[in-house]
């Protein structure tokens, strides 16, 4: 599963630059955080509902890998629950804008949310996961059997932990965020 960079699409890059300017995201964000610009997935398929009952989607090949991985985990007695999958650039913009409006400093926001255009969620190849009885999007997920299982087996299904502790992107440790490995 490859995560396609959007660097070749100048119109897309220009729209992201304008969005960043609107949000106050630094012009050197890409370099500073060592993240790639990603386009949105062109094709998405449903993968069921998340823990909030919302329909979630992934790119077709990612969905196939996810379904296979989830079934194998269930065979091993592990239940993997989806918190979030595909997110559009506009959704990501709104997420950052809401946090800014609530008074959170931009540098704090960018440690927990990639800027619009730079989230693996745009590709349709990323999932935020949790386990039964565990609050979503909390580091406590690392203490679950689900996290242990993912650490041992996710690579066999094409997934990797995107933001381990002390990652080079300066993004907070996210034991719940798993993305497909590039081909």
N, C-alpha and C. Protein backbone atom coordinates (compact mmCIF):
# COMPACT_ATOMS: atom_id res chain seq x y z
N UNK A 1 0.86 -1.16 0.00
CA UNK A 1 0.00 0.00 0.00
C UNK A 1 0.90 1.21 0.00
N UNK A 2 0.81 2.02 -1.01
CA UNK A 2 1.65 3.20 -1.02
C UNK A 2 0.85 4.42 -0.62
N UNK A 3 1.53 5.33 0.03
CA UNK A 3 0.95 6.59 0.41
C UNK A 3 1.46 7.60 -0.61
N UNK A 4 0.61 8.08 -1.48
CA UNK A 4 1.03 8.89 -2.61
C UNK A 4 1.27 10.33 -2.22
N UNK A 5 2.50 10.82 -2.41
CA UNK A 5 2.75 12.23 -2.14
C UNK A 5 2.06 13.10 -3.19
N UNK A 6 1.68 14.28 -2.79
CA UNK A 6 0.95 15.18 -3.68
C UNK A 6 1.85 16.25 -4.27
N UNK A 7 3.14 16.12 -4.10
CA UNK A 7 4.04 17.18 -4.51
C UNK A 7 3.95 17.53 -5.98
N UNK A 8 3.50 16.60 -6.82
CA UNK A 8 3.43 16.87 -8.25
C UNK A 8 2.21 17.71 -8.62
N UNK A 9 1.27 17.90 -7.76
CA UNK A 9 0.05 18.64 -8.07
C UNK A 9 0.15 20.05 -7.50
N UNK A 10 0.56 21.00 -8.33
CA UNK A 10 0.79 22.37 -7.88
C UNK A 10 -0.49 23.08 -7.43
N UNK A 11 -1.62 22.80 -8.07
CA UNK A 11 -2.88 23.42 -7.64
C UNK A 11 -3.24 22.95 -6.24
N UNK A 12 -3.06 21.68 -5.99
CA UNK A 12 -3.35 21.12 -4.67
C UNK A 12 -2.43 21.76 -3.63
N UNK A 13 -1.15 21.82 -3.96
CA UNK A 13 -0.18 22.41 -3.04
C UNK A 13 -0.55 23.87 -2.75
N UNK A 14 -0.98 24.61 -3.78
CA UNK A 14 -1.36 26.01 -3.59
C UNK A 14 -2.58 26.13 -2.67
N UNK A 15 -3.54 25.22 -2.82
CA UNK A 15 -4.72 25.28 -1.95
C UNK A 15 -4.35 24.95 -0.50
N UNK A 16 -3.43 24.02 -0.32
CA UNK A 16 -2.97 23.68 1.03
C UNK A 16 -2.20 24.86 1.63
N UNK A 17 -1.37 25.50 0.82
CA UNK A 17 -0.61 26.67 1.30
C UNK A 17 -1.56 27.77 1.75
N UNK A 18 -2.62 28.02 0.98
CA UNK A 18 -3.60 29.04 1.35
C UNK A 18 -4.31 28.66 2.64
N UNK A 19 -4.66 27.39 2.78
CA UNK A 19 -5.32 26.90 3.99
C UNK A 19 -4.39 27.08 5.20
N UNK A 20 -3.13 26.76 5.03
CA UNK A 20 -2.16 26.91 6.12
C UNK A 20 -2.02 28.38 6.52
N UNK A 21 -1.98 29.25 5.52
CA UNK A 21 -1.87 30.69 5.79
C UNK A 21 -3.08 31.14 6.62
N UNK A 22 -4.27 30.68 6.24
CA UNK A 22 -5.50 31.00 6.96
C UNK A 22 -5.43 30.54 8.42
N UNK A 23 -4.83 29.38 8.66
CA UNK A 23 -4.76 28.81 10.02
C UNK A 23 -3.53 29.27 10.80
N UNK A 24 -2.60 29.96 10.13
CA UNK A 24 -1.38 30.41 10.80
C UNK A 24 -0.31 29.35 10.88
N UNK A 25 -0.42 28.31 10.07
CA UNK A 25 0.58 27.24 10.07
C UNK A 25 1.82 27.76 9.36
N UNK A 26 3.00 27.58 9.95
CA UNK A 26 4.23 28.14 9.37
C UNK A 26 4.48 27.65 7.94
N UNK A 27 5.04 28.53 7.11
CA UNK A 27 5.31 28.20 5.71
C UNK A 27 6.32 27.06 5.56
N UNK A 28 7.14 26.84 6.57
CA UNK A 28 8.13 25.77 6.52
C UNK A 28 7.67 24.51 7.27
N UNK A 29 6.36 24.37 7.45
CA UNK A 29 5.80 23.23 8.18
C UNK A 29 6.32 21.90 7.66
N UNK A 30 6.29 21.70 6.35
CA UNK A 30 6.70 20.43 5.75
C UNK A 30 8.13 20.08 6.14
N UNK A 31 9.02 21.03 6.03
CA UNK A 31 10.43 20.80 6.38
C UNK A 31 10.59 20.63 7.89
N UNK A 32 9.96 21.49 8.65
CA UNK A 32 10.10 21.48 10.11
C UNK A 32 9.64 20.16 10.72
N UNK A 33 8.54 19.61 10.20
CA UNK A 33 7.98 18.38 10.76
C UNK A 33 8.36 17.13 9.97
N UNK A 34 9.09 17.31 8.89
CA UNK A 34 9.53 16.18 8.06
C UNK A 34 8.36 15.28 7.66
N UNK A 35 7.27 15.93 7.26
CA UNK A 35 6.09 15.20 6.80
C UNK A 35 5.91 15.42 5.31
N UNK A 36 5.22 14.48 4.66
CA UNK A 36 4.95 14.57 3.23
C UNK A 36 3.53 15.08 3.00
N UNK A 37 3.37 15.80 1.91
CA UNK A 37 2.06 16.26 1.49
C UNK A 37 1.35 15.09 0.80
N UNK A 38 0.12 14.81 1.24
CA UNK A 38 -0.66 13.70 0.69
C UNK A 38 -1.95 14.19 0.08
N UNK A 39 -2.32 13.60 -1.06
CA UNK A 39 -3.63 13.89 -1.63
C UNK A 39 -4.66 13.00 -0.96
N UNK A 40 -5.91 13.38 -1.13
CA UNK A 40 -6.99 12.55 -0.61
C UNK A 40 -7.15 11.31 -1.48
N UNK A 41 -7.58 10.24 -0.85
CA UNK A 41 -7.86 9.01 -1.58
C UNK A 41 -8.92 9.29 -2.64
N UNK A 42 -8.73 8.73 -3.81
CA UNK A 42 -9.68 8.92 -4.91
C UNK A 42 -10.84 7.92 -4.84
N UNK A 43 -10.57 6.78 -4.25
CA UNK A 43 -11.59 5.74 -4.13
C UNK A 43 -11.60 5.24 -2.70
N UNK A 44 -12.78 5.16 -2.13
CA UNK A 44 -12.94 4.69 -0.76
C UNK A 44 -14.03 3.62 -0.72
N UNK A 45 -13.87 2.69 0.22
CA UNK A 45 -14.89 1.67 0.43
C UNK A 45 -15.24 1.65 1.92
N UNK A 46 -16.48 1.32 2.25
CA UNK A 46 -16.88 1.28 3.66
C UNK A 46 -16.22 0.10 4.38
N UNK A 47 -15.87 0.33 5.64
CA UNK A 47 -15.30 -0.73 6.48
C UNK A 47 -16.13 -0.99 7.72
N UNK A 48 -17.32 -0.42 7.77
CA UNK A 48 -18.17 -0.57 8.95
C UNK A 48 -18.17 0.73 9.75
N UNK A 49 -18.70 0.63 10.95
CA UNK A 49 -18.82 1.83 11.78
C UNK A 49 -17.71 1.89 12.82
N UNK A 50 -17.46 3.12 13.27
CA UNK A 50 -16.48 3.33 14.33
C UNK A 50 -17.16 3.19 15.69
N UNK A 51 -16.44 3.48 16.74
CA UNK A 51 -16.98 3.34 18.10
C UNK A 51 -18.11 4.32 18.39
N UNK A 52 -18.26 5.33 17.53
CA UNK A 52 -19.33 6.32 17.69
C UNK A 52 -20.52 6.04 16.78
N UNK A 53 -20.45 4.95 16.01
CA UNK A 53 -21.54 4.60 15.10
C UNK A 53 -21.49 5.28 13.75
N UNK A 54 -20.38 5.97 13.45
CA UNK A 54 -20.24 6.64 12.16
C UNK A 54 -19.63 5.68 11.14
N UNK A 55 -20.13 5.70 9.92
CA UNK A 55 -19.57 4.88 8.86
C UNK A 55 -18.14 5.35 8.58
N UNK A 56 -17.21 4.42 8.48
CA UNK A 56 -15.81 4.74 8.18
C UNK A 56 -15.43 4.12 6.85
N UNK A 57 -14.42 4.73 6.21
CA UNK A 57 -13.98 4.27 4.90
C UNK A 57 -12.46 4.23 4.83
N UNK A 58 -11.97 3.36 3.96
CA UNK A 58 -10.55 3.27 3.64
C UNK A 58 -10.41 3.10 2.13
N UNK A 59 -9.20 3.31 1.65
CA UNK A 59 -8.89 2.99 0.27
C UNK A 59 -9.08 1.47 0.11
N UNK A 60 -9.47 1.00 -1.07
CA UNK A 60 -9.81 -0.42 -1.24
C UNK A 60 -8.76 -1.41 -0.74
N UNK A 61 -7.53 -1.21 -1.12
CA UNK A 61 -6.50 -2.16 -0.70
C UNK A 61 -6.26 -2.10 0.81
N UNK A 62 -6.29 -0.89 1.37
CA UNK A 62 -6.14 -0.75 2.83
C UNK A 62 -7.29 -1.43 3.54
N UNK A 63 -8.50 -1.29 2.99
CA UNK A 63 -9.68 -1.92 3.59
C UNK A 63 -9.52 -3.44 3.59
N UNK A 64 -9.02 -3.96 2.50
CA UNK A 64 -8.79 -5.41 2.40
C UNK A 64 -7.80 -5.87 3.47
N UNK A 65 -6.70 -5.16 3.59
CA UNK A 65 -5.69 -5.50 4.61
C UNK A 65 -6.27 -5.37 6.01
N UNK A 66 -7.05 -4.31 6.24
CA UNK A 66 -7.67 -4.09 7.54
C UNK A 66 -8.62 -5.24 7.89
N UNK A 67 -9.48 -5.63 6.96
CA UNK A 67 -10.44 -6.70 7.23
C UNK A 67 -9.72 -8.01 7.56
N UNK A 68 -8.65 -8.29 6.82
CA UNK A 68 -7.87 -9.51 7.07
C UNK A 68 -7.20 -9.45 8.44
N UNK A 69 -6.61 -8.29 8.76
CA UNK A 69 -5.94 -8.14 10.05
C UNK A 69 -6.93 -8.23 11.20
N UNK A 70 -8.06 -7.56 11.07
CA UNK A 70 -9.06 -7.59 12.14
C UNK A 70 -9.58 -9.00 12.36
N UNK A 71 -9.83 -9.75 11.28
CA UNK A 71 -10.31 -11.13 11.41
C UNK A 71 -9.27 -11.99 12.11
N UNK A 72 -8.00 -11.82 11.76
CA UNK A 72 -6.94 -12.61 12.40
C UNK A 72 -6.83 -12.27 13.87
N UNK A 73 -6.93 -10.99 14.19
CA UNK A 73 -6.88 -10.57 15.59
C UNK A 73 -8.03 -11.23 16.36
N UNK A 74 -9.22 -11.24 15.78
CA UNK A 74 -10.37 -11.86 16.44
C UNK A 74 -10.14 -13.35 16.67
N UNK A 75 -9.51 -14.02 15.71
CA UNK A 75 -9.17 -15.43 15.89
C UNK A 75 -8.24 -15.61 17.08
N UNK A 76 -7.41 -14.60 17.33
CA UNK A 76 -6.47 -14.65 18.46
C UNK A 76 -7.07 -14.07 19.73
N UNK A 77 -8.38 -13.78 19.71
CA UNK A 77 -9.06 -13.26 20.89
C UNK A 77 -8.89 -11.76 21.12
N UNK A 78 -8.49 -11.04 20.09
CA UNK A 78 -8.26 -9.59 20.20
C UNK A 78 -9.32 -8.86 19.37
N UNK A 79 -9.98 -7.89 19.99
CA UNK A 79 -10.96 -7.07 19.30
C UNK A 79 -10.34 -5.71 19.04
N UNK A 80 -10.22 -5.36 17.77
CA UNK A 80 -9.70 -4.06 17.35
C UNK A 80 -10.88 -3.18 16.96
N UNK A 81 -11.00 -2.02 17.57
CA UNK A 81 -12.12 -1.11 17.31
C UNK A 81 -11.62 0.14 16.61
N UNK A 82 -12.35 0.57 15.60
CA UNK A 82 -11.98 1.76 14.83
C UNK A 82 -12.50 3.02 15.52
N UNK A 83 -11.61 3.98 15.68
CA UNK A 83 -11.97 5.31 16.18
C UNK A 83 -12.12 6.25 14.99
N UNK A 84 -11.23 6.11 14.01
CA UNK A 84 -11.22 7.00 12.86
C UNK A 84 -10.47 6.33 11.72
N UNK A 85 -10.89 6.61 10.50
CA UNK A 85 -10.19 6.09 9.32
C UNK A 85 -9.95 7.28 8.38
N UNK A 86 -10.50 7.25 7.17
CA UNK A 86 -10.30 8.35 6.22
C UNK A 86 -10.80 9.67 6.81
N UNK A 87 -10.00 10.71 6.62
CA UNK A 87 -10.41 12.08 6.94
C UNK A 87 -10.02 12.97 5.77
N UNK A 88 -10.92 13.81 5.35
CA UNK A 88 -10.63 14.72 4.25
C UNK A 88 -9.75 15.87 4.72
N UNK A 89 -9.17 16.56 3.78
CA UNK A 89 -8.38 17.75 4.08
C UNK A 89 -9.27 18.79 4.75
N UNK A 90 -10.49 18.95 4.26
CA UNK A 90 -11.40 19.93 4.86
C UNK A 90 -11.75 19.57 6.30
N UNK A 91 -11.93 18.29 6.56
CA UNK A 91 -12.20 17.86 7.93
C UNK A 91 -11.01 18.20 8.83
N UNK A 92 -9.81 17.93 8.33
CA UNK A 92 -8.60 18.20 9.11
C UNK A 92 -8.47 19.71 9.37
N UNK A 93 -8.80 20.53 8.35
CA UNK A 93 -8.78 21.98 8.53
C UNK A 93 -9.74 22.38 9.65
N UNK A 94 -10.93 21.82 9.63
CA UNK A 94 -11.92 22.13 10.66
C UNK A 94 -11.47 21.70 12.04
N UNK A 95 -10.81 20.57 12.12
CA UNK A 95 -10.29 20.07 13.39
C UNK A 95 -9.30 21.07 13.98
N UNK A 96 -8.36 21.52 13.16
CA UNK A 96 -7.37 22.50 13.63
C UNK A 96 -8.05 23.82 13.97
N UNK A 97 -8.96 24.27 13.11
CA UNK A 97 -9.65 25.55 13.34
C UNK A 97 -10.45 25.54 14.65
N UNK A 98 -11.13 24.42 14.93
CA UNK A 98 -11.91 24.33 16.18
C UNK A 98 -11.00 24.42 17.40
N UNK A 99 -9.86 23.78 17.33
CA UNK A 99 -8.93 23.83 18.47
C UNK A 99 -8.34 25.23 18.64
N UNK A 100 -8.05 25.90 17.52
CA UNK A 100 -7.58 27.29 17.60
C UNK A 100 -8.66 28.18 18.21
N UNK A 101 -9.90 28.00 17.77
CA UNK A 101 -11.02 28.80 18.28
C UNK A 101 -11.24 28.57 19.77
N UNK A 102 -10.88 27.38 20.24
CA UNK A 102 -11.01 27.06 21.66
C UNK A 102 -9.84 27.60 22.49
N UNK A 103 -8.90 28.27 21.80
CA UNK A 103 -7.80 28.91 22.51
C UNK A 103 -6.54 28.07 22.65
N UNK A 104 -6.50 26.93 22.00
CA UNK A 104 -5.29 26.09 22.10
C UNK A 104 -4.20 26.68 21.21
N UNK A 105 -2.97 26.71 21.70
CA UNK A 105 -1.86 27.24 20.90
C UNK A 105 -1.57 26.33 19.70
N UNK A 106 -1.25 26.95 18.55
CA UNK A 106 -1.00 26.20 17.33
C UNK A 106 0.10 25.16 17.52
N UNK A 107 1.19 25.52 18.19
CA UNK A 107 2.29 24.57 18.36
C UNK A 107 1.86 23.34 19.15
N UNK A 108 0.91 23.49 20.06
CA UNK A 108 0.36 22.35 20.80
C UNK A 108 -0.51 21.49 19.88
N UNK A 109 -1.33 22.14 19.07
CA UNK A 109 -2.21 21.43 18.15
C UNK A 109 -1.39 20.59 17.17
N UNK A 110 -0.32 21.18 16.63
CA UNK A 110 0.48 20.49 15.61
C UNK A 110 1.30 19.34 16.19
N UNK A 111 1.33 19.20 17.49
CA UNK A 111 1.98 18.04 18.10
C UNK A 111 1.04 16.84 18.16
N UNK A 112 -0.27 17.10 18.00
CA UNK A 112 -1.24 16.00 18.07
C UNK A 112 -2.07 15.84 16.79
N UNK A 113 -2.02 16.82 15.92
CA UNK A 113 -2.74 16.75 14.64
C UNK A 113 -1.83 17.22 13.52
N UNK A 114 -1.69 16.42 12.49
CA UNK A 114 -0.95 16.87 11.32
C UNK A 114 -1.75 18.00 10.67
N UNK A 115 -1.04 18.92 10.06
CA UNK A 115 -1.70 20.02 9.36
C UNK A 115 -2.49 19.47 8.17
N UNK A 116 -3.53 20.19 7.74
CA UNK A 116 -4.27 19.76 6.57
C UNK A 116 -3.33 19.52 5.39
N UNK A 117 -3.55 18.38 4.71
CA UNK A 117 -2.70 17.99 3.59
C UNK A 117 -1.58 17.05 3.98
N UNK A 118 -1.28 16.96 5.27
CA UNK A 118 -0.15 16.16 5.73
C UNK A 118 -0.55 14.97 6.60
N UNK A 119 -1.82 14.72 6.72
CA UNK A 119 -2.29 13.60 7.53
C UNK A 119 -2.37 12.33 6.70
N UNK A 120 -1.86 11.24 7.24
CA UNK A 120 -1.99 9.94 6.58
C UNK A 120 -3.45 9.55 6.42
N UNK A 121 -4.32 10.10 7.25
CA UNK A 121 -5.75 9.81 7.14
C UNK A 121 -6.31 10.23 5.78
N UNK A 122 -5.73 11.26 5.16
CA UNK A 122 -6.20 11.71 3.84
C UNK A 122 -6.06 10.61 2.79
N UNK A 123 -5.08 9.76 2.95
CA UNK A 123 -4.78 8.73 1.96
C UNK A 123 -5.77 7.58 1.97
N UNK A 124 -6.54 7.47 3.05
CA UNK A 124 -7.42 6.32 3.20
C UNK A 124 -6.66 5.08 3.62
N UNK A 125 -5.45 5.27 4.09
CA UNK A 125 -4.59 4.14 4.48
C UNK A 125 -4.22 4.17 5.96
N UNK A 126 -4.91 4.98 6.75
CA UNK A 126 -4.57 5.10 8.18
C UNK A 126 -5.81 4.86 9.03
N UNK A 127 -5.58 4.27 10.17
CA UNK A 127 -6.63 3.98 11.15
C UNK A 127 -6.19 4.43 12.53
N UNK A 128 -7.12 4.98 13.28
CA UNK A 128 -6.94 5.17 14.71
C UNK A 128 -7.75 4.06 15.35
N UNK A 129 -7.11 3.31 16.25
CA UNK A 129 -7.74 2.13 16.84
C UNK A 129 -7.81 2.24 18.35
N UNK A 130 -8.70 1.46 18.94
CA UNK A 130 -8.77 1.34 20.38
C UNK A 130 -9.22 -0.08 20.72
N UNK A 131 -9.35 -0.34 21.99
CA UNK A 131 -9.78 -1.65 22.48
C UNK A 131 -10.95 -1.47 23.44
N UNK A 132 -11.73 -2.50 23.60
CA UNK A 132 -12.85 -2.48 24.53
C UNK A 132 -12.38 -2.03 25.91
N UNK A 133 -13.10 -1.10 26.51
CA UNK A 133 -12.78 -0.64 27.86
C UNK A 133 -11.63 0.35 27.93
N UNK A 134 -11.15 0.82 26.79
CA UNK A 134 -10.04 1.77 26.76
C UNK A 134 -10.52 3.06 26.12
N UNK A 135 -10.25 4.18 26.76
CA UNK A 135 -10.63 5.47 26.20
C UNK A 135 -9.90 5.67 24.87
N UNK A 136 -10.59 6.15 23.86
CA UNK A 136 -9.95 6.34 22.56
C UNK A 136 -8.92 7.47 22.58
N UNK A 137 -7.92 7.31 21.73
CA UNK A 137 -6.89 8.32 21.51
C UNK A 137 -6.13 8.69 22.79
N UNK A 138 -5.88 7.69 23.60
CA UNK A 138 -5.12 7.87 24.84
C UNK A 138 -3.94 6.91 24.84
N UNK A 139 -2.83 7.33 25.43
CA UNK A 139 -1.64 6.47 25.44
C UNK A 139 -1.88 5.19 26.24
N UNK A 140 -2.92 5.15 27.06
CA UNK A 140 -3.24 3.92 27.80
C UNK A 140 -3.49 2.75 26.84
N UNK A 141 -3.78 3.05 25.58
CA UNK A 141 -3.98 1.98 24.60
C UNK A 141 -2.75 1.07 24.54
N UNK A 142 -1.56 1.63 24.82
CA UNK A 142 -0.34 0.82 24.75
C UNK A 142 -0.31 -0.29 25.80
N UNK A 143 -1.17 -0.22 26.80
CA UNK A 143 -1.18 -1.25 27.85
C UNK A 143 -2.16 -2.37 27.55
N UNK A 144 -2.80 -2.32 26.40
CA UNK A 144 -3.83 -3.32 26.06
C UNK A 144 -3.24 -4.49 25.29
N UNK A 145 -3.96 -5.59 25.33
CA UNK A 145 -3.59 -6.74 24.52
C UNK A 145 -3.68 -6.42 23.04
N UNK A 146 -4.59 -5.51 22.68
CA UNK A 146 -4.73 -5.11 21.27
C UNK A 146 -3.45 -4.45 20.78
N UNK A 147 -2.88 -3.56 21.58
CA UNK A 147 -1.64 -2.90 21.17
C UNK A 147 -0.49 -3.90 21.08
N UNK A 148 -0.42 -4.79 22.05
CA UNK A 148 0.62 -5.82 22.01
C UNK A 148 0.48 -6.67 20.76
N UNK A 149 -0.76 -7.06 20.44
CA UNK A 149 -1.00 -7.86 19.25
C UNK A 149 -0.59 -7.08 18.00
N UNK A 150 -0.99 -5.82 17.90
CA UNK A 150 -0.62 -5.00 16.74
C UNK A 150 0.89 -4.88 16.61
N UNK A 151 1.56 -4.65 17.71
CA UNK A 151 3.02 -4.52 17.69
C UNK A 151 3.67 -5.78 17.12
N UNK A 152 3.12 -6.93 17.46
CA UNK A 152 3.69 -8.20 17.02
C UNK A 152 3.24 -8.61 15.62
N UNK A 153 2.03 -8.19 15.19
CA UNK A 153 1.46 -8.76 13.97
C UNK A 153 1.08 -7.77 12.87
N UNK A 154 0.89 -6.50 13.18
CA UNK A 154 0.39 -5.55 12.18
C UNK A 154 1.25 -5.49 10.93
N UNK A 155 2.55 -5.61 11.08
CA UNK A 155 3.45 -5.58 9.92
C UNK A 155 3.16 -6.68 8.92
N UNK A 156 2.69 -7.81 9.40
CA UNK A 156 2.35 -8.92 8.50
C UNK A 156 1.16 -8.58 7.59
N UNK A 157 0.39 -7.57 7.99
CA UNK A 157 -0.79 -7.16 7.23
C UNK A 157 -0.58 -5.81 6.55
N UNK A 158 0.66 -5.32 6.56
CA UNK A 158 0.99 -4.08 5.88
C UNK A 158 0.80 -2.82 6.69
N UNK A 159 0.63 -2.93 7.99
CA UNK A 159 0.43 -1.75 8.83
C UNK A 159 1.64 -1.51 9.73
N UNK A 160 1.87 -0.25 10.05
CA UNK A 160 2.94 0.14 10.96
C UNK A 160 2.43 1.25 11.88
N UNK A 161 3.06 1.35 13.03
CA UNK A 161 2.81 2.44 13.97
C UNK A 161 3.47 3.68 13.39
N UNK A 162 2.71 4.71 13.11
CA UNK A 162 3.24 5.90 12.44
C UNK A 162 4.01 6.83 13.36
N UNK A 163 3.56 6.97 14.60
CA UNK A 163 4.16 7.95 15.50
C UNK A 163 4.59 7.32 16.81
N UNK A 164 5.72 6.58 16.75
CA UNK A 164 6.24 6.00 17.99
C UNK A 164 6.80 7.10 18.91
N UNK A 165 7.21 6.73 20.07
CA UNK A 165 7.83 7.70 20.99
C UNK A 165 9.03 8.35 20.30
N UNK A 166 9.20 9.63 20.56
CA UNK A 166 10.35 10.39 20.05
C UNK A 166 10.51 10.28 18.54
N UNK A 167 9.41 10.30 17.81
CA UNK A 167 9.48 10.19 16.35
C UNK A 167 10.08 11.47 15.75
N UNK A 168 10.61 11.33 14.56
CA UNK A 168 11.32 12.44 13.91
C UNK A 168 10.40 13.57 13.47
N UNK A 169 9.09 13.37 13.54
CA UNK A 169 8.14 14.38 13.11
C UNK A 169 7.76 15.35 14.23
N UNK A 170 8.14 15.02 15.46
CA UNK A 170 7.77 15.89 16.58
C UNK A 170 6.30 15.78 16.95
N UNK A 171 5.65 14.74 16.43
CA UNK A 171 4.25 14.49 16.77
C UNK A 171 4.21 13.62 18.02
N UNK A 172 3.27 13.91 18.89
CA UNK A 172 3.14 13.15 20.13
C UNK A 172 2.99 11.66 19.85
N UNK A 173 3.47 10.86 20.76
CA UNK A 173 3.34 9.40 20.67
C UNK A 173 1.88 9.04 20.53
N UNK A 174 1.55 8.28 19.48
CA UNK A 174 0.18 7.86 19.21
C UNK A 174 0.13 6.34 19.02
N UNK A 175 0.02 5.59 20.10
CA UNK A 175 0.00 4.13 19.96
C UNK A 175 -1.23 3.63 19.21
N UNK A 176 -2.20 4.46 19.01
CA UNK A 176 -3.45 4.09 18.33
C UNK A 176 -3.41 4.30 16.81
N UNK A 177 -2.42 5.02 16.29
CA UNK A 177 -2.43 5.40 14.86
C UNK A 177 -1.57 4.44 14.05
N UNK A 178 -2.23 3.68 13.17
CA UNK A 178 -1.57 2.67 12.35
C UNK A 178 -1.86 2.94 10.87
N UNK A 179 -0.84 2.86 10.04
CA UNK A 179 -1.01 3.11 8.60
C UNK A 179 -0.38 2.00 7.79
N UNK A 180 -0.86 1.86 6.57
CA UNK A 180 -0.33 0.85 5.66
C UNK A 180 1.10 1.19 5.30
N UNK A 181 1.93 0.18 5.22
CA UNK A 181 3.31 0.37 4.77
C UNK A 181 3.33 0.61 3.28
N UNK A 182 4.21 1.47 2.81
CA UNK A 182 4.34 1.63 1.35
C UNK A 182 4.84 0.33 0.72
N UNK A 183 4.48 0.13 -0.54
CA UNK A 183 4.97 -1.04 -1.28
C UNK A 183 6.48 -0.98 -1.41
